Amino acid sequence: MEVGRLLLVLGLVLVVLGLTWLYAPGLLGWFGRLPGDIRIEREGFRLYFPLTSMLLVSLVLSLLLSLLLRWFR
């Protein structure tokens, strides 16, 4: 039963993020353009490595999962 609740909450979080991404793209316009995101563009070559953005996503997800696990114990 606990796993079901966890999946329900994670699903709701994903729905909220998806709706935000679709209907309010200006709120996340800064994402991917943070200092530390690597972008190299040359003729015939493009490399984009969002290092800082992915570290931020990892931090937020770790905090959310930590809170959820404490909430369900």
PDB file of N, CA and C in Angstrom:
ATOM      1  N   MET A   1       0.821  -1.197   0.000  1.00  0.00           N
ATOM      2  CA  MET A   1       0.000   0.000   0.000  1.00  0.00           C
ATOM      3  C   MET A   1       0.865   1.262   0.000  1.00  0.00           C
ATOM      4  N   GLU A   2       1.999   1.220   0.681  1.00  0.00           N
ATOM      5  CA  GLU A   2       2.898   2.369   0.737  1.00  0.00           C
ATOM      6  C   GLU A   2       3.467   2.705  -0.651  1.00  0.00           C
ATOM      7  N   VAL A   3       3.795   1.675  -1.412  1.00  0.00           N
ATOM      8  CA  VAL A   3       4.353   1.899  -2.746  1.00  0.00           C
ATOM      9  C   VAL A   3       3.303   2.554  -3.640  1.00  0.00           C
ATOM     10  N   GLY A   4       2.054   2.154  -3.472  1.00  0.00           N
ATOM     11  CA  GLY A   4       0.975   2.758  -4.248  1.00  0.00           C
ATOM     12  C   GLY A   4       0.835   4.241  -3.985  1.00  0.00           C
ATOM     13  N   ARG A   5       0.920   4.634  -2.726  1.00  0.00           N
ATOM     14  CA  ARG A   5       0.856   6.057  -2.379  1.00  0.00           C
ATOM     15  C   ARG A   5       2.031   6.825  -2.957  1.00  0.00           C
ATOM     16  N   LEU A   6       3.206   6.231  -2.862  1.00  0.00           N
ATOM     17  CA  LEU A   6       4.409   6.879  -3.394  1.00  0.00           C
ATOM     18  C   LEU A   6       4.282   7.094  -4.898  1.00  0.00           C
ATOM     19  N   LEU A   7       3.810   6.081  -5.602  1.00  0.00           N
ATOM     20  CA  LEU A   7       3.639   6.214  -7.050  1.00  0.00           C
ATOM     21  C   LEU A   7       2.573   7.254  -7.391  1.00  0.00           C
ATOM     22  N   LEU A   8       1.528   7.323  -6.598  1.00  0.00           N
ATOM     23  CA  LEU A   8       0.485   8.319  -6.821  1.00  0.00           C
ATOM     24  C   LEU A   8       1.029   9.733  -6.649  1.00  0.00           C
ATOM     25  N   VAL A   9       1.789   9.957  -5.592  1.00  0.00           N
ATOM     26  CA  VAL A   9       2.355  11.291  -5.352  1.00  0.00           C
ATOM     27  C   VAL A   9       3.361  11.650  -6.447  1.00  0.00           C
ATOM     28  N   LEU A  10       4.208  10.715  -6.819  1.00  0.00           N
ATOM     29  CA  LEU A  10       5.180  10.997  -7.888  1.00  0.00           C
ATOM     30  C   LEU A  10       4.467  11.277  -9.212  1.00  0.00           C
ATOM     31  N   GLY A  11       3.396  10.550  -9.478  1.00  0.00           N
ATOM     32  CA  GLY A  11       2.620  10.798 -10.688  1.00  0.00           C
ATOM     33  C   GLY A  11       2.000  12.185 -10.686  1.00  0.00           C
ATOM     34  N   LEU A  12       1.473  12.606  -9.552  1.00  0.00           N
ATOM     35  CA  LEU A  12       0.892  13.942  -9.458  1.00  0.00           C
ATOM     36  C   LEU A  12       1.953  15.029  -9.642  1.00  0.00           C
ATOM     37  N   VAL A  13       3.123  14.800  -9.090  1.00  0.00           N
ATOM     38  CA  VAL A  13       4.222  15.763  -9.269  1.00  0.00           C
ATOM     39  C   VAL A  13       4.598  15.865 -10.745  1.00  0.00           C
ATOM     40  N   LEU A  14       4.663  14.733 -11.427  1.00  0.00           N
ATOM     41  CA  LEU A  14       4.986  14.749 -12.857  1.00  0.00           C
ATOM     42  C   LEU A  14       3.901  15.447 -13.677  1.00  0.00           C
ATOM     43  N   VAL A  15       2.638  15.257 -13.314  1.00  0.00           N
ATOM     44  CA  VAL A  15       1.547  15.932 -14.018  1.00  0.00           C
ATOM     45  C   VAL A  15       1.652  17.439 -13.834  1.00  0.00           C
ATOM     46  N   VAL A  16       1.920  17.878 -12.619  1.00  0.00           N
ATOM     47  CA  VAL A  16       2.058  19.316 -12.361  1.00  0.00           C
ATOM     48  C   VAL A  16       3.239  19.889 -13.140  1.00  0.00           C
ATOM     49  N   LEU A  17       4.359  19.191 -13.144  1.00  0.00           N
ATOM     50  CA  LEU A  17       5.518  19.667 -13.918  1.00  0.00           C
ATOM     51  C   LEU A  17       5.216  19.704 -15.412  1.00  0.00           C
ATOM     52  N   GLY A  18       4.545  18.695 -15.902  1.00  0.00           N
ATOM     53  CA  GLY A  18       4.187  18.657 -17.320  1.00  0.00           C
ATOM     54  C   GLY A  18       3.255  19.788 -17.711  1.00  0.00           C
ATOM     55  N   LEU A  19       2.245  20.063 -16.894  1.00  0.00           N
ATOM     56  CA  LEU A  19       1.328  21.168 -17.177  1.00  0.00           C
ATOM     57  C   LEU A  19       2.043  22.509 -17.111  1.00  0.00           C
ATOM     58  N   THR A  20       2.955  22.643 -16.162  1.00  0.00           N
ATOM     59  CA  THR A  20       3.743  23.878 -16.077  1.00  0.00           C
ATOM     60  C   THR A  20       4.583  24.057 -17.331  1.00  0.00           C
ATOM     61  N   TRP A  21       5.189  22.980 -17.791  1.00  0.00           N
ATOM     62  CA  TRP A  21       6.045  23.039 -18.976  1.00  0.00           C
ATOM     63  C   TRP A  21       5.235  23.423 -20.210  1.00  0.00           C
ATOM     64  N   LEU A  22       3.996  22.907 -20.316  1.00  0.00           N
ATOM     65  CA  LEU A  22       3.155  23.180 -21.484  1.00  0.00           C
ATOM     66  C   LEU A  22       2.547  24.574 -21.472  1.00  0.00           C
ATOM     67  N   TYR A  23       1.974  24.959 -20.341  1.00  0.00           N
ATOM     68  CA  TYR A  23       1.155  26.160 -20.311  1.00  0.00           C
ATOM     69  C   TYR A  23       1.843  27.377 -19.719  1.00  0.00           C
ATOM     70  N   ALA A  24       2.973  27.214 -19.104  1.00  0.00           N
ATOM     71  CA  ALA A  24       3.710  28.360 -18.555  1.00  0.00           C
ATOM     72  C   ALA A  24       5.199  28.193 -18.833  1.00  0.00           C
ATOM     73  N   PRO A  25       5.567  28.146 -20.119  1.00  0.00           N
ATOM     74  CA  PRO A  25       6.981  27.894 -20.424  1.00  0.00           C
ATOM     75  C   PRO A  25       7.916  28.997 -19.941  1.00  0.00           C
ATOM     76  N   GLY A  26       7.392  30.192 -19.712  1.00  0.00           N
ATOM     77  CA  GLY A  26       8.228  31.282 -19.218  1.00  0.00           C
ATOM     78  C   GLY A  26       8.751  31.032 -17.813  1.00  0.00           C
ATOM     79  N   LEU A  27       8.039  30.212 -17.047  1.00  0.00           N
ATOM     80  CA  LEU A  27       8.485  29.926 -15.696  1.00  0.00           C
ATOM     81  C   LEU A  27       9.767  29.103 -15.678  1.00  0.00           C
ATOM     82  N   LEU A  28       9.957  28.294 -16.704  1.00  0.00           N
ATOM     83  CA  LEU A  28      11.146  27.446 -16.766  1.00  0.00           C
ATOM     84  C   LEU A  28      12.096  27.872 -17.886  1.00  0.00           C
ATOM     85  N   GLY A  29      11.984  29.115 -18.342  1.00  0.00           N
ATOM     86  CA  GLY A  29      12.826  29.601 -19.429  1.00  0.00           C
ATOM     87  C   GLY A  29      14.302  29.678 -19.064  1.00  0.00           C
ATOM     88  N   TRP A  30      14.603  29.795 -17.786  1.00  0.00           N
ATOM     89  CA  TRP A  30      15.988  29.876 -17.318  1.00  0.00           C
ATOM     90  C   TRP A  30      16.649  28.508 -17.300  1.00  0.00           C
ATOM     91  N   PHE A  31      15.836  27.449 -17.295  1.00  0.00           N
ATOM     92  CA  PHE A  31      16.388  26.101 -17.183  1.00  0.00           C
ATOM     93  C   PHE A  31      17.164  25.753 -18.444  1.00  0.00           C
ATOM     94  N   GLY A  32      18.390  25.299 -18.277  1.00  0.00           N
ATOM     95  CA  GLY A  32      19.239  24.975 -19.410  1.00  0.00           C
ATOM     96  C   GLY A  32      20.139  26.111 -19.838  1.00  0.00           C
ATOM     97  N   ARG A  33      19.986  27.259 -19.194  1.00  0.00           N
ATOM     98  CA  ARG A  33      20.815  28.422 -19.527  1.00  0.00           C
ATOM     99  C   ARG A  33      21.534  28.948 -18.290  1.00  0.00           C
ATOM    100  N   LEU A  34      21.792  28.070 -17.362  1.00  0.00           N
ATOM    101  CA  LEU A  34      22.454  28.466 -16.127  1.00  0.00           C
ATOM    102  C   LEU A  34      23.962  28.560 -16.326  1.00  0.00           C
ATOM    103  N   PRO A  35      24.640  29.366 -15.509  1.00  0.00           N
ATOM    104  CA  PRO A  35      26.096  29.381 -15.568  1.00  0.00           C
ATOM    105  C   PRO A  35      26.623  27.986 -15.220  1.00  0.00           C
ATOM    106  N   GLY A  36      27.490  27.483 -16.014  1.00  0.00           N
ATOM    107  CA  GLY A  36      28.019  26.139 -15.805  1.00  0.00           C
ATOM    108  C   GLY A  36      27.472  25.136 -16.805  1.00  0.00           C
ATOM    109  N   ASP A  37      26.403  25.492 -17.519  1.00  0.00           N
ATOM    110  CA  ASP A  37      25.925  24.653 -18.604  1.00  0.00           C
ATOM    111  C   ASP A  37      26.861  24.860 -19.795  1.00  0.00           C
ATOM    112  N   ILE A  38      27.361  23.773 -20.324  1.00  0.00           N
ATOM    113  CA  ILE A  38      28.381  23.847 -21.376  1.00  0.00           C
ATOM    114  C   ILE A  38      27.714  23.810 -22.743  1.00  0.00           C
ATOM    115  N   ARG A  39      28.046  24.792 -23.577  1.00  0.00           N
ATOM    116  CA  ARG A  39      27.506  24.864 -24.934  1.00  0.00           C
ATOM    117  C   ARG A  39      28.641  25.222 -25.884  1.00  0.00           C
ATOM    118  N   ILE A  40      28.896  24.333 -26.820  1.00  0.00           N
ATOM    119  CA  ILE A  40      29.921  24.570 -27.831  1.00  0.00           C
ATOM    120  C   ILE A  40      29.253  24.451 -29.192  1.00  0.00           C
ATOM    121  N   GLU A  41      29.298  25.522 -29.967  1.00  0.00           N
ATOM    122  CA  GLU A  41      28.708  25.522 -31.305  1.00  0.00           C
ATOM    123  C   GLU A  41      29.760  25.944 -32.319  1.00  0.00           C
ATOM    124  N   ARG A  42      29.963  25.059 -33.267  1.00  0.00           N
ATOM    125  CA  ARG A  42      30.879  25.343 -34.376  1.00  0.00           C
ATOM    126  C   ARG A  42      30.186  24.925 -35.656  1.00  0.00           C
ATOM    127  N   GLU A  43      30.771  25.257 -36.754  1.00  0.00           N
ATOM    128  CA  GLU A  43      30.178  24.889 -38.037  1.00  0.00           C
ATOM    129  C   GLU A  43      30.124  23.365 -38.169  1.00  0.00           C
ATOM    130  N   GLY A  44      28.936  22.838 -38.303  1.00  0.00           N
ATOM    131  CA  GLY A  44      28.757  21.400 -38.460  1.00  0.00           C
ATOM    132  C   GLY A  44      28.835  20.610 -37.162  1.00  0.00           C
ATOM    133  N   PHE A  45      28.922  21.299 -36.035  1.00  0.00           N
ATOM    134  CA  PHE A  45      29.062  20.602 -34.753  1.00  0.00           C
ATOM    135  C   PHE A  45      28.383  21.410 -33.649  1.00  0.00           C
ATOM    136  N   ARG A  46      27.616  20.728 -32.832  1.00  0.00           N
ATOM    137  CA  ARG A  46      26.968  21.383 -31.702  1.00  0.00           C
ATOM    138  C   ARG A  46      26.999  20.425 -30.508  1.00  0.00           C
ATOM    139  N   LEU A  47      27.505  20.918 -29.381  1.00  0.00           N
ATOM    140  CA  LEU A  47      27.561  20.136 -28.154  1.00  0.00           C
ATOM    141  C   LEU A  47      26.898  20.942 -27.059  1.00  0.00           C
ATOM    142  N   TYR A  48      25.955  20.302 -26.389  1.00  0.00           N
ATOM    143  CA  TYR A  48      25.270  20.954 -25.283  1.00  0.00           C
ATOM    144  C   TYR A  48      25.250  19.983 -24.118  1.00  0.00           C
ATOM    145  N   PHE A  49      25.856  20.387 -22.998  1.00  0.00           N
ATOM    146  CA  PHE A  49      25.933  19.554 -21.808  1.00  0.00           C
ATOM    147  C   PHE A  49      25.453  20.383 -20.618  1.00  0.00           C
ATOM    148  N   PRO A  50      24.189  20.204 -20.206  1.00  0.00           N
ATOM    149  CA  PRO A  50      23.621  21.032 -19.134  1.00  0.00           C
ATOM    150  C   PRO A  50      24.058  20.571 -17.748  1.00  0.00           C
ATOM    151  N   LEU A  51      25.298  20.759 -17.423  1.00  0.00           N
ATOM    152  CA  LEU A  51      25.877  20.266 -16.172  1.00  0.00           C
ATOM    153  C   LEU A  51      25.196  20.870 -14.942  1.00  0.00           C
ATOM    154  N   THR A  52      25.124  22.176 -14.867  1.00  0.00           N
ATOM    155  CA  THR A  52      24.537  22.839 -13.703  1.00  0.00           C
ATOM    156  C   THR A  52      23.051  22.540 -13.590  1.00  0.00           C
ATOM    157  N   SER A  53      22.358  22.525 -14.712  1.00  0.00           N
ATOM    158  CA  SER A  53      20.923  22.237 -14.686  1.00  0.00           C
ATOM    159  C   SER A  53      20.657  20.831 -14.165  1.00  0.00           C
ATOM    160  N   MET A  54      21.451  19.865 -14.577  1.00  0.00           N
ATOM    161  CA  MET A  54      21.243  18.497 -14.125  1.00  0.00           C
ATOM    162  C   MET A  54      21.619  18.324 -12.658  1.00  0.00           C
ATOM    163  N   LEU A  55      22.627  19.066 -12.190  1.00  0.00           N
ATOM    164  CA  LEU A  55      22.951  19.037 -10.762  1.00  0.00           C
ATOM    165  C   LEU A  55      21.792  19.610  -9.943  1.00  0.00           C
ATOM    166  N   LEU A  56      21.176  20.662 -10.452  1.00  0.00           N
ATOM    167  CA  LEU A  56      20.027  21.257  -9.773  1.00  0.00           C
ATOM    168  C   LEU A  56      18.840  20.281  -9.743  1.00  0.00           C
ATOM    169  N   VAL A  57      18.583  19.614 -10.859  1.00  0.00           N
ATOM    170  CA  VAL A  57      17.504  18.616 -10.921  1.00  0.00           C
ATOM    171  C   VAL A  57      17.788  17.485  -9.938  1.00  0.00           C
ATOM    172  N   SER A  58      19.016  17.023  -9.893  1.00  0.00           N
ATOM    173  CA  SER A  58      19.391  15.958  -8.975  1.00  0.00           C
ATOM    174  C   SER A  58      19.180  16.377  -7.520  1.00  0.00           C
ATOM    175  N   LEU A  59      19.552  17.586  -7.181  1.00  0.00           N
ATOM    176  CA  LEU A  59      19.378  18.090  -5.826  1.00  0.00           C
ATOM    177  C   LEU A  59      17.904  18.170  -5.447  1.00  0.00           C
ATOM    178  N   VAL A  60      17.091  18.729  -6.337  1.00  0.00           N
ATOM    179  CA  VAL A  60      15.653  18.869  -6.058  1.00  0.00           C
ATOM    180  C   VAL A  60      14.993  17.504  -5.931  1.00  0.00           C
ATOM    181  N   LEU A  61      15.304  16.579  -6.829  1.00  0.00           N
ATOM    182  CA  LEU A  61      14.713  15.241  -6.750  1.00  0.00           C
ATOM    183  C   LEU A  61      15.164  14.502  -5.495  1.00  0.00           C
ATOM    184  N   SER A  62      16.410  14.656  -5.113  1.00  0.00           N
ATOM    185  CA  SER A  62      16.889  14.022  -3.884  1.00  0.00           C
ATOM    186  C   SER A  62      16.159  14.561  -2.665  1.00  0.00           C
ATOM    187  N   LEU A  63      15.963  15.862  -2.616  1.00  0.00           N
ATOM    188  CA  LEU A  63      15.228  16.454  -1.499  1.00  0.00           C
ATOM    189  C   LEU A  63      13.775  15.998  -1.476  1.00  0.00           C
ATOM    190  N   LEU A  64      13.123  15.980  -2.643  1.00  0.00           N
ATOM    191  CA  LEU A  64      11.730  15.532  -2.712  1.00  0.00           C
ATOM    192  C   LEU A  64      11.583  14.080  -2.289  1.00  0.00           C
ATOM    193  N   LEU A  65      12.456  13.224  -2.788  1.00  0.00           N
ATOM    194  CA  LEU A  65      12.373  11.813  -2.416  1.00  0.00           C
ATOM    195  C   LEU A  65      12.665  11.603  -0.941  1.00  0.00           C
ATOM    196  N   SER A  66      13.596  12.360  -0.404  1.00  0.00           N
ATOM    197  CA  SER A  66      13.879  12.268   1.024  1.00  0.00           C
ATOM    198  C   SER A  66      12.659  12.651   1.852  1.00  0.00           C
ATOM    199  N   LEU A  67      12.006  13.746   1.470  1.00  0.00           N
ATOM    200  CA  LEU A  67      10.809  14.175   2.175  1.00  0.00           C
ATOM    201  C   LEU A  67       9.673  13.164   2.039  1.00  0.00           C
ATOM    202  N   LEU A  68       9.504  12.628   0.840  1.00  0.00           N
ATOM    203  CA  LEU A  68       8.447  11.639   0.622  1.00  0.00           C
ATOM    204  C   LEU A  68       8.688  10.372   1.435  1.00  0.00           C
ATOM    205  N   LEU A  69       9.926   9.926   1.484  1.00  0.00           N
ATOM    206  CA  LEU A  69      10.222   8.715   2.247  1.00  0.00           C
ATOM    207  C   LEU A  69      10.016   8.935   3.748  1.00  0.00           C
ATOM    208  N   ARG A  70      10.329  10.121   4.235  1.00  0.00           N
ATOM    209  CA  ARG A  70      10.076  10.415   5.653  1.00  0.00           C
ATOM    210  C   ARG A  70       8.583  10.510   5.934  1.00  0.00           C
ATOM    211  N   TRP A  71       7.825  11.024   4.947  1.00  0.00           N
ATOM    212  CA  TRP A  71       6.399  11.187   5.107  1.00  0.00           C
ATOM    213  C   TRP A  71       5.675   9.844   5.143  1.00  0.00           C
ATOM    214  N   PHE A  72       6.159   8.874   4.385  1.00  0.00           N
ATOM    215  CA  PHE A  72       5.506   7.574   4.295  1.00  0.00           C
ATOM    216  C   PHE A  72       6.004   6.566   5.323  1.00  0.00           C
ATOM    217  N   ARG A  73       6.907   6.932   6.188  1.00  0.00           N
ATOM    218  CA  ARG A  73       7.378   5.989   7.215  1.00  0.00           C
ATOM    219  C   ARG A  73       6.546   6.071   8.443  1.00  0.00           C
TER     220      ARG A  73
END
